Amino acid sequence: MQQQTDDMEGSMESPNLEFEYGDMDNFTVELSELYSYTEEPEFSLNRDYFEEDFKNHVKGRRWMELSMEEQRVYVMRLLDALEVTDRDKRLKVARAILYLAQGVFDECDTEADVLYWSRHNVFLLYDMGIFTALLELLSMEIDNNQACSSAVRKPAISLADSTELRVLLSIMYLMVETIRVETEGDSPERKAAREAFRTELGSPLYNGEPFALLLFTMVTKFCCMNAPHFPMKKVLLLLWKTILFTLGGFEELQELKVRMREQLNLSPLPEDSIKVVRHMRAASPPASAMELIEQQQQQKRGRRSRRPLVKQDSLDTYNERDPFKNDDTRDEEDDPEDVDSGIEGEVDPLDRDVIIQPPPPPQLRPPTERVSFPRGLPWAPKVREKDIEHFLETSRNKFIGFTLGNDIDTLVGLPRPIHESVKTLKQHKYVSIAEVQIKREEELQQCPMTMGEEAVKETPAEILYLGMLPSLSQYVIALLKLLLAAAPTSKAKTDSINILADVLPEEMPITVLQSMKLGIDVNRHKEIIVKAISALLLLLLKHFKLNHIYQFEYVAQHLVFANCIPLILKFFNQNIMSYISAKNSICALDFPHCVVHEMPELTAESLEAGDSNQFCWRNLFSCINLLRILNKITKWKHSRTMMLVVFKSAPILKRALKVKQAMMQLYVLKLLKIQTKYLGRQWRKSNMKTMSAIYQKVRHRLNDDWAYGNDIDARPWDFQAEECALRESIEKFNARRYDKNQNSEFTPVDNCLQSVLGQRVDLPEDFHYSYEMWLEREVFSQPIQWEGLLQAQ
């Protein structure tokens, strides 16, 4: 019944969503999402502690009136005060520093002034070395066993249990996010500071490991229930922005990819995928269940007469003749060439006598809108070398009777059409960076002495992977646990982790208005956690894939083994339109609005109304990220594609097509495309509109028989063997590159008695105390049979 209701909702025409995908939302929104609405009273607390200290040392003046040198002197005094042993005094000083990072808002009249002074102060704080001091305090708080043990024993944890951590993490987040974002008016000094901070965060300067690893440790400690008071939302936001800052966003990834292809002498990318997706148009959602039933009844009524084709609606974006829209009632054994003939070339709609246009109903868009659509497919087709080899192997078996292995150049004995086909395939041949890396790794494994030691570049991604490697599975499981706890489809369980420690107030609400406000705050809190985790995982996958394919495969395999695929499908198994249009925000309480303007009186009606936005940016961003992660870990993996089929993902993904946003629809259609060959002919026949959308919007692989299921890949597959072979390759890669003792078998043997006896041997400490006993037991008390030794010779 629920699905029928959802389908009926989806059949109504939903508006196009004017959404622009990027690394993050608007800068102000990213700052406001750091704070929960229950933290709102703490803004004035920060101000009071700052002003109390400031008036004692700088009498009769305001912060803005000080010269740069005077401001530096005052910050230096705060830095010294951070080192006091008294915990309460340290917290007061930290709150004063947080007030500076928040932009001394009590002296500002507008939000723009707050952002200006926040930026000014953050660069000053970084220049004075505040971040390093905060890092030491954060390490102390993480190792504070007393706070951890008291939090574990508490029946209910609230904001008060994480006060020190929240203040420290807030300052660090404001510093990372503010310095990370470039502005037009940045001076050369600020640009230099940004690069220095970026290098500092990505290098193993903090206890021999990058800063991100400290935050990963916090995440795992929280998920192991050892520190339930950790403010996870702030930790995850800071972790995401640290990775984004040190490794780079999506546009930097694209530039890095272009440079790497040039270095490897590969052909340039056929197009900029970011630009292509931005210019795509959204399609209408597929037909609902009611429409399909009505269509079937019409077919039954007109079975004797040949039903004319009707021009398709806005899914046929490019006005091309669609091979899947031929008469469904024709015999299934018809010659497939009749179908293929419709793909070649574009035919003017007026010349198609088989198409009859019905009179347009008044609800449809005017026909003039169709004229402005781009013609042609948005993506250039690609072909792998493996596909050309497979095509030639089949052709040689058919026409000659034997094969030539991996030879793709010899065409002797093959007919002319095969020559033309191979020529076309080679024109669209695409060699990925991953294929080059796999080939290079195979050579290094086969000839370790000849190839020598590999020169590994110390990139930020390489440093991060090296640090994450020993505990990577724990990090992945912890992130997925948090994602599960924050998913809207998850039900509260007694054994699940409590992610609301940094949103619940000390005193629970007693009025309806307070309960509504807290409910909105809790939902918003969960949405922000999903946003941070989805963006973080996607960034890690993309950067590791570019750095080395086996680093990506290692993370992806851990995600699969930790049940990431069913988790993401469970996330989408909800009314996705409701999730994307959710209004879990109160504009009057968002920072910096709430510290500059007077607080209006909140009512139940105003809270219910929410904001005026058409959709929730963070929720749509999270959905696209999760779909991209699912695409990343299932692409070219038959075993994982079969998991999509087994978990019945097709109807869940089809419902996600109701969201009229081109990028989200593209990744849903990609996921549907890889499993169509396994879904059977009946599914394909009853989902022609979806099949048509896949044809028009997803990149074509020239000899990928996705639409008909005749491919060899659709046969039964030894899925376990595929994963095991991949795992073996990953383990060999990790052992070769990161295990320092793996070349011990190639080390020359020392045959000189003097040098062997002269080597220093590290003995355990307790050996010195028991040395005499060891001599007595192992040497003096053991009789030596010298005669037997001589006889043996």
Foldseek 3Di string as FASTA:
>chain_A
DVQQVLLVVLQPFDDFAPEADWLDDPLQQLLLLLAFLVCLVCLVVLLVLLVVVCCVPPPPDDPVPDDPVVNLVVLVVLLVQCPDPDPVSNLSSLSPLLCQLQQVLVPDQDQVNSLVSNLVSLVSCVVSPVLVSLVVVLVVVLPPQVLLVVVLPDPDFAQVSCSSVSSSLSSLLSNLSSLLDDDPPDDPVSVVSLVVVLCQQLALPPVRAHPLVVLLVVLLCCQVSSHQLRQNLSSLSSSLSNLCSNLHIDVVLQVLQQVVCVVVVFDGDPDDVSVLLSPDFFARAFRGPVVLVVVVVVCVVCVVPQDFFEDDPCLPLAQAQQLLRPGLSDDPPPDCVVSVVRRPDGDDPVPPPSYDYDDDDPVDDDPVVSVPGDHDFSDDFEAELVRLQVLQQVQCCVQPNGHDPSDNPDPPRGDPVVVVVSVVNVVRYGDHPQNVLLVVLVVCVVCVPVVDADDADPGSLVSNLLSCVVPVLSSLLSLLLLLLVLQPLHDDDPPRRDNCSNLHHPDQDDDPQSVLLSVLSSNSSSLSSLLSSLSRVLSSLSSLCSSHVLSNLVNLVSCVVSVVPVSLLSSLPDSLLCQFAPQSDDVCSGPPNVSNDPRDDDDPVSSVVHDPRRTDNSSVNSLLSSLVSLCSSPPPQLLSLVVCVVSVSLVSLSSVSSNRRSSSLASSLSSCQVCQLQPDDVVLSSRVSSVSSSVRHPHDHPPDPSSHNPDPSNDDDPNVVSVVVSVVSSVVVCCSNPPPCPCVVVDDDDPDPVVVVPDDDDDDPCCVVCVVVCCVVPPVVDDDDVVVVVVVD
